[in-house]
Amino acid sequence: MGRPAHHLSDDFRNAMRRLATTVSLITAGEAENWTGMAATAVMSVCADPPTLLIAVNRSASIHSILRVGGNFCVNLLSERHQDLIAIFSGGRKGADRFKDGAWTTGARGLPLLSDALASFQCRVETIVEAGTHTLFLGIVEQVNQHSVFDPLLWADGAPAALRPLQATEIKE
């Protein structure tokens, strides 16, 4: 017999910590109303048209701006951005989050991390409610890429780095 149903959410959260993923900063807003959050719930949906999905808790400060503003930017973090995780995870509020980092204004006035691994500037196409979160599907309108590939990962509740594995020979 399995664990009681009330433990399922805890079991799910703990198991999902094993899913290593690139840390992103989701940004939105214009001018003095820039806002952002650290996230790992980002995924590619399709390449034609280029579409990303982000999952945002309804209690997050960025949520209402995304619902009304219709635009967001996904900035994939590099190892050099590790300090930004704490800042965008509640260490600072609102526009104060943008005091550190190489921030510029992207298309439609969105905050863009100019030295991000990659940045995707998106227009919200579809909004879906799912439990405590809202899923925003955005059509990618512009992509910027950095020449250095050193993704900042999140695994087991902490920052991690990518290390290449030795290729193994497949035996038949």
C-alpha atoms as a PDB file:
ATOM      1  CA  MET A   1       0.000   0.000   0.000  1.00  0.00           C
ATOM      2  CA  GLY A   2       1.334   3.493  -0.921  1.00  0.00           C
ATOM      3  CA  ARG A   3       1.703   6.567   1.231  1.00  0.00           C
ATOM      4  CA  PRO A   4      -1.427   8.571   2.093  1.00  0.00           C
ATOM      5  CA  ALA A   5      -2.621  10.955  -0.644  1.00  0.00           C
ATOM      6  CA  HIS A   6      -1.711  14.055   1.430  1.00  0.00           C
ATOM      7  CA  HIS A   7       1.966  13.087   1.029  1.00  0.00           C
ATOM      8  CA  LEU A   8       1.723  12.935  -2.765  1.00  0.00           C
ATOM      9  CA  SER A   9       2.472  16.676  -3.189  1.00  0.00           C
ATOM     10  CA  ASP A  10       5.585  16.394  -1.003  1.00  0.00           C
ATOM     11  CA  ASP A  11       6.720  13.251  -2.820  1.00  0.00           C
ATOM     12  CA  PHE A  12       6.155  14.981  -6.156  1.00  0.00           C
ATOM     13  CA  ARG A  13       8.187  18.073  -5.139  1.00  0.00           C
ATOM     14  CA  ASN A  14      11.042  15.937  -3.832  1.00  0.00           C
ATOM     15  CA  ALA A  15      11.115  13.770  -6.950  1.00  0.00           C
ATOM     16  CA  MET A  16      11.052  16.809  -9.256  1.00  0.00           C
ATOM     17  CA  ARG A  17      14.194  18.139  -7.536  1.00  0.00           C
ATOM     18  CA  ARG A  18      15.949  15.345  -9.440  1.00  0.00           C
ATOM     19  CA  LEU A  19      15.077  16.983 -12.769  1.00  0.00           C
ATOM     20  CA  ALA A  20      18.141  19.104 -13.575  1.00  0.00           C
ATOM     21  CA  THR A  21      17.327  22.159 -15.680  1.00  0.00           C
ATOM     22  CA  THR A  22      18.796  25.499 -16.718  1.00  0.00           C
ATOM     23  CA  VAL A  23      17.904  28.378 -14.404  1.00  0.00           C
ATOM     24  CA  SER A  24      16.082  31.227 -16.135  1.00  0.00           C
ATOM     25  CA  LEU A  25      15.070  34.728 -15.196  1.00  0.00           C
ATOM     26  CA  ILE A  26      11.609  35.535 -16.515  1.00  0.00           C
ATOM     27  CA  THR A  27      11.260  39.295 -16.948  1.00  0.00           C
ATOM     28  CA  ALA A  28       8.375  41.540 -17.900  1.00  0.00           C
ATOM     29  CA  GLY A  29       7.145  45.104 -17.650  1.00  0.00           C
ATOM     30  CA  GLU A  30       8.267  48.391 -19.109  1.00  0.00           C
ATOM     31  CA  ALA A  31      10.480  51.285 -17.924  1.00  0.00           C
ATOM     32  CA  GLU A  32      10.225  51.725 -14.137  1.00  0.00           C
ATOM     33  CA  ASN A  33       7.796  48.794 -13.897  1.00  0.00           C
ATOM     34  CA  TRP A  34      10.326  46.056 -14.692  1.00  0.00           C
ATOM     35  CA  THR A  35       9.794  42.880 -12.718  1.00  0.00           C
ATOM     36  CA  GLY A  36      11.185  39.377 -12.802  1.00  0.00           C
ATOM     37  CA  MET A  37      11.505  36.006 -11.151  1.00  0.00           C
ATOM     38  CA  ALA A  38      13.893  33.051 -11.124  1.00  0.00           C
ATOM     39  CA  ALA A  39      12.375  29.967 -12.737  1.00  0.00           C
ATOM     40  CA  THR A  40      13.061  26.449 -13.884  1.00  0.00           C
ATOM     41  CA  ALA A  41       9.552  25.791 -15.228  1.00  0.00           C
ATOM     42  CA  VAL A  42      10.347  26.793 -18.814  1.00  0.00           C
ATOM     43  CA  MET A  43      10.058  24.595 -21.874  1.00  0.00           C
ATOM     44  CA  SER A  44      10.122  24.682 -25.639  1.00  0.00           C
ATOM     45  CA  VAL A  45       6.728  23.871 -27.129  1.00  0.00           C
ATOM     46  CA  CYS A  46       7.466  23.940 -30.860  1.00  0.00           C
ATOM     47  CA  ALA A  47       9.774  25.486 -33.474  1.00  0.00           C
ATOM     48  CA  ASP A  48       7.114  26.540 -35.984  1.00  0.00           C
ATOM     49  CA  PRO A  49       6.143  29.020 -34.782  1.00  0.00           C
ATOM     50  CA  PRO A  50       8.884  29.228 -32.123  1.00  0.00           C
ATOM     51  CA  THR A  51       6.957  28.954 -28.833  1.00  0.00           C
ATOM     52  CA  LEU A  52       7.961  28.747 -25.165  1.00  0.00           C
ATOM     53  CA  LEU A  53       5.861  27.823 -22.140  1.00  0.00           C
ATOM     54  CA  ILE A  54       6.461  29.295 -18.686  1.00  0.00           C
ATOM     55  CA  ALA A  55       4.654  28.284 -15.490  1.00  0.00           C
ATOM     56  CA  VAL A  56       4.113  31.083 -12.958  1.00  0.00           C
ATOM     57  CA  ASN A  57       2.592  30.765  -9.489  1.00  0.00           C
ATOM     58  CA  ARG A  58      -0.417  33.058  -9.168  1.00  0.00           C
ATOM     59  CA  SER A  59       1.071  34.475  -5.947  1.00  0.00           C
ATOM     60  CA  ALA A  60       4.228  35.711  -7.758  1.00  0.00           C
ATOM     61  CA  SER A  61       4.475  39.488  -8.204  1.00  0.00           C
ATOM     62  CA  ILE A  62       5.145  39.074 -11.942  1.00  0.00           C
ATOM     63  CA  HIS A  63       1.871  37.188 -12.476  1.00  0.00           C
ATOM     64  CA  SER A  64      -0.474  40.178 -12.799  1.00  0.00           C
ATOM     65  CA  ILE A  65       1.935  41.984 -15.143  1.00  0.00           C
ATOM     66  CA  LEU A  66       2.121  38.916 -17.403  1.00  0.00           C
ATOM     67  CA  ARG A  67      -1.673  38.628 -17.502  1.00  0.00           C
ATOM     68  CA  VAL A  68      -2.076  42.258 -18.531  1.00  0.00           C
ATOM     69  CA  GLY A  69       1.195  43.087 -20.307  1.00  0.00           C
ATOM     70  CA  GLY A  70       1.240  40.288 -22.820  1.00  0.00           C
ATOM     71  CA  ASN A  71       5.053  40.148 -23.196  1.00  0.00           C
ATOM     72  CA  PHE A  72       7.895  38.434 -21.377  1.00  0.00           C
ATOM     73  CA  CYS A  73      11.562  37.569 -21.796  1.00  0.00           C
ATOM     74  CA  VAL A  74      13.183  34.279 -20.796  1.00  0.00           C
ATOM     75  CA  ASN A  75      16.866  34.825 -19.941  1.00  0.00           C
ATOM     76  CA  LEU A  76      18.811  31.552 -19.638  1.00  0.00           C
ATOM     77  CA  LEU A  77      21.460  31.957 -16.955  1.00  0.00           C
ATOM     78  CA  SER A  78      25.148  31.200 -17.195  1.00  0.00           C
ATOM     79  CA  GLU A  79      27.437  30.142 -14.331  1.00  0.00           C
ATOM     80  CA  ARG A  80      28.513  33.814 -14.036  1.00  0.00           C
ATOM     81  CA  HIS A  81      24.936  34.706 -13.011  1.00  0.00           C
ATOM     82  CA  GLN A  82      24.701  32.550  -9.884  1.00  0.00           C
ATOM     83  CA  ASP A  83      24.277  35.609  -7.613  1.00  0.00           C
ATOM     84  CA  LEU A  84      21.154  36.654  -9.535  1.00  0.00           C
ATOM     85  CA  ILE A  85      19.212  33.600  -8.346  1.00  0.00           C
ATOM     86  CA  ALA A  86      18.867  34.906  -4.770  1.00  0.00           C
ATOM     87  CA  ILE A  87      18.064  38.435  -5.986  1.00  0.00           C
ATOM     88  CA  PHE A  88      15.247  37.213  -8.250  1.00  0.00           C
ATOM     89  CA  SER A  89      13.962  34.653  -5.719  1.00  0.00           C
ATOM     90  CA  GLY A  90      12.820  37.280  -3.230  1.00  0.00           C
ATOM     91  CA  GLY A  91      16.132  38.851  -2.164  1.00  0.00           C
ATOM     92  CA  ARG A  92      14.992  42.135  -3.702  1.00  0.00           C
ATOM     93  CA  LYS A  93      11.644  43.421  -4.913  1.00  0.00           C
ATOM     94  CA  GLY A  94      10.493  45.013  -8.172  1.00  0.00           C
ATOM     95  CA  ALA A  95      12.906  47.205 -10.119  1.00  0.00           C
ATOM     96  CA  ASP A  96      15.601  46.803  -7.420  1.00  0.00           C
ATOM     97  CA  ARG A  97      16.238  43.316  -8.832  1.00  0.00           C
ATOM     98  CA  PHE A  98      17.816  44.919 -11.899  1.00  0.00           C
ATOM     99  CA  LYS A  99      20.570  46.835 -10.064  1.00  0.00           C
ATOM    100  CA  ASP A 100      22.962  43.898 -10.569  1.00  0.00           C
ATOM    101  CA  GLY A 101      23.636  42.309 -13.949  1.00  0.00           C
ATOM    102  CA  ALA A 102      24.076  43.563 -17.498  1.00  0.00           C
ATOM    103  CA  TRP A 103      20.470  44.640 -18.108  1.00  0.00           C
ATOM    104  CA  THR A 104      19.365  46.399 -21.279  1.00  0.00           C
ATOM    105  CA  THR A 105      16.022  47.236 -22.801  1.00  0.00           C
ATOM    106  CA  GLY A 106      14.904  44.721 -25.387  1.00  0.00           C
ATOM    107  CA  ALA A 107      12.030  44.749 -27.840  1.00  0.00           C
ATOM    108  CA  ARG A 108       8.790  46.180 -26.472  1.00  0.00           C
ATOM    109  CA  GLY A 109      10.740  47.630 -23.503  1.00  0.00           C
ATOM    110  CA  LEU A 110      11.366  44.250 -21.878  1.00  0.00           C
ATOM    111  CA  PRO A 111      14.320  43.784 -19.490  1.00  0.00           C
ATOM    112  CA  LEU A 112      16.975  41.741 -21.308  1.00  0.00           C
ATOM    113  CA  LEU A 113      20.088  40.280 -19.667  1.00  0.00           C
ATOM    114  CA  SER A 114      22.624  41.146 -22.371  1.00  0.00           C
ATOM    115  CA  ASP A 115      25.161  38.464 -21.370  1.00  0.00           C
ATOM    116  CA  ALA A 116      22.621  35.684 -20.811  1.00  0.00           C
ATOM    117  CA  LEU A 117      23.323  32.280 -22.329  1.00  0.00           C
ATOM    118  CA  ALA A 118      20.298  33.049 -24.506  1.00  0.00           C
ATOM    119  CA  SER A 119      17.318  35.385 -24.265  1.00  0.00           C
ATOM    120  CA  PHE A 120      13.911  34.825 -25.832  1.00  0.00           C
ATOM    121  CA  GLN A 121      11.606  37.812 -26.165  1.00  0.00           C
ATOM    122  CA  CYS A 122       8.032  36.549 -26.360  1.00  0.00           C
ATOM    123  CA  ARG A 123       4.469  37.727 -26.939  1.00  0.00           C
ATOM    124  CA  VAL A 124       1.830  35.897 -24.878  1.00  0.00           C
ATOM    125  CA  GLU A 125      -0.349  33.849 -27.212  1.00  0.00           C
ATOM    126  CA  THR A 126      -2.263  31.545 -24.831  1.00  0.00           C
ATOM    127  CA  ILE A 127      -2.977  31.514 -21.090  1.00  0.00           C
ATOM    128  CA  VAL A 128      -3.994  28.306 -19.278  1.00  0.00           C
ATOM    129  CA  GLU A 129      -4.873  27.977 -15.589  1.00  0.00           C
ATOM    130  CA  ALA A 130      -3.406  24.866 -13.920  1.00  0.00           C
ATOM    131  CA  GLY A 131      -3.764  24.383 -10.165  1.00  0.00           C
ATOM    132  CA  THR A 132      -1.807  27.088  -8.307  1.00  0.00           C
ATOM    133  CA  HIS A 133      -0.070  28.222 -11.496  1.00  0.00           C
ATOM    134  CA  THR A 134      -0.800  29.901 -14.799  1.00  0.00           C
ATOM    135  CA  LEU A 135       0.848  28.614 -17.965  1.00  0.00           C
ATOM    136  CA  PHE A 136       1.824  31.331 -20.419  1.00  0.00           C
ATOM    137  CA  LEU A 137       2.588  30.203 -23.977  1.00  0.00           C
ATOM    138  CA  GLY A 138       4.597  32.851 -25.763  1.00  0.00           C
ATOM    139  CA  ILE A 139       5.448  33.227 -29.430  1.00  0.00           C
ATOM    140  CA  VAL A 140       9.186  33.978 -29.652  1.00  0.00           C
ATOM    141  CA  GLU A 141       9.748  37.242 -31.518  1.00  0.00           C
ATOM    142  CA  GLN A 142      13.493  37.653 -30.999  1.00  0.00           C
ATOM    143  CA  VAL A 143      16.403  35.485 -29.809  1.00  0.00           C
ATOM    144  CA  ASN A 144      19.811  36.638 -28.530  1.00  0.00           C
ATOM    145  CA  GLN A 145      22.669  34.211 -27.816  1.00  0.00           C
ATOM    146  CA  HIS A 146      25.990  34.535 -26.013  1.00  0.00           C
ATOM    147  CA  SER A 147      29.102  32.949 -27.478  1.00  0.00           C
ATOM    148  CA  VAL A 148      30.064  31.132 -24.249  1.00  0.00           C
ATOM    149  CA  PHE A 149      28.100  27.977 -23.354  1.00  0.00           C
ATOM    150  CA  ASP A 150      28.225  27.468 -19.569  1.00  0.00           C
ATOM    151  CA  PRO A 151      24.641  26.935 -18.376  1.00  0.00           C
ATOM    152  CA  LEU A 152      23.739  27.434 -14.726  1.00  0.00           C
ATOM    153  CA  LEU A 153      21.714  24.382 -13.753  1.00  0.00           C
ATOM    154  CA  TRP A 154      19.373  23.722 -10.846  1.00  0.00           C
ATOM    155  CA  ALA A 155      19.465  20.217  -9.412  1.00  0.00           C
ATOM    156  CA  ASP A 156      18.437  18.847  -6.011  1.00  0.00           C
ATOM    157  CA  GLY A 157      17.469  22.330  -4.802  1.00  0.00           C
ATOM    158  CA  ALA A 158      20.826  24.005  -5.513  1.00  0.00           C
ATOM    159  CA  PRO A 159      22.867  25.570  -8.340  1.00  0.00           C
ATOM    160  CA  ALA A 160      24.935  23.121 -10.371  1.00  0.00           C
ATOM    161  CA  ALA A 161      27.236  23.195 -13.379  1.00  0.00           C
ATOM    162  CA  LEU A 162      27.339  21.116 -16.525  1.00  0.00           C
ATOM    163  CA  ARG A 163      30.291  18.839 -17.043  1.00  0.00           C
ATOM    164  CA  PRO A 164      30.755  16.861 -20.227  1.00  0.00           C
ATOM    165  CA  LEU A 165      30.879  13.091 -19.904  1.00  0.00           C
ATOM    166  CA  GLN A 166      33.352  10.874 -21.705  1.00  0.00           C
ATOM    167  CA  ALA A 167      31.812   9.296 -24.773  1.00  0.00           C
ATOM    168  CA  THR A 168      31.322   5.561 -24.415  1.00  0.00           C
ATOM    169  CA  GLU A 169      31.563   3.062 -27.210  1.00  0.00           C
ATOM    170  CA  ILE A 170      28.374   1.181 -27.984  1.00  0.00           C
ATOM    171  CA  LYS A 171      28.957  -2.555 -28.216  1.00  0.00           C
ATOM    172  CA  GLU A 172      26.726  -4.635 -30.403  1.00  0.00           C
END
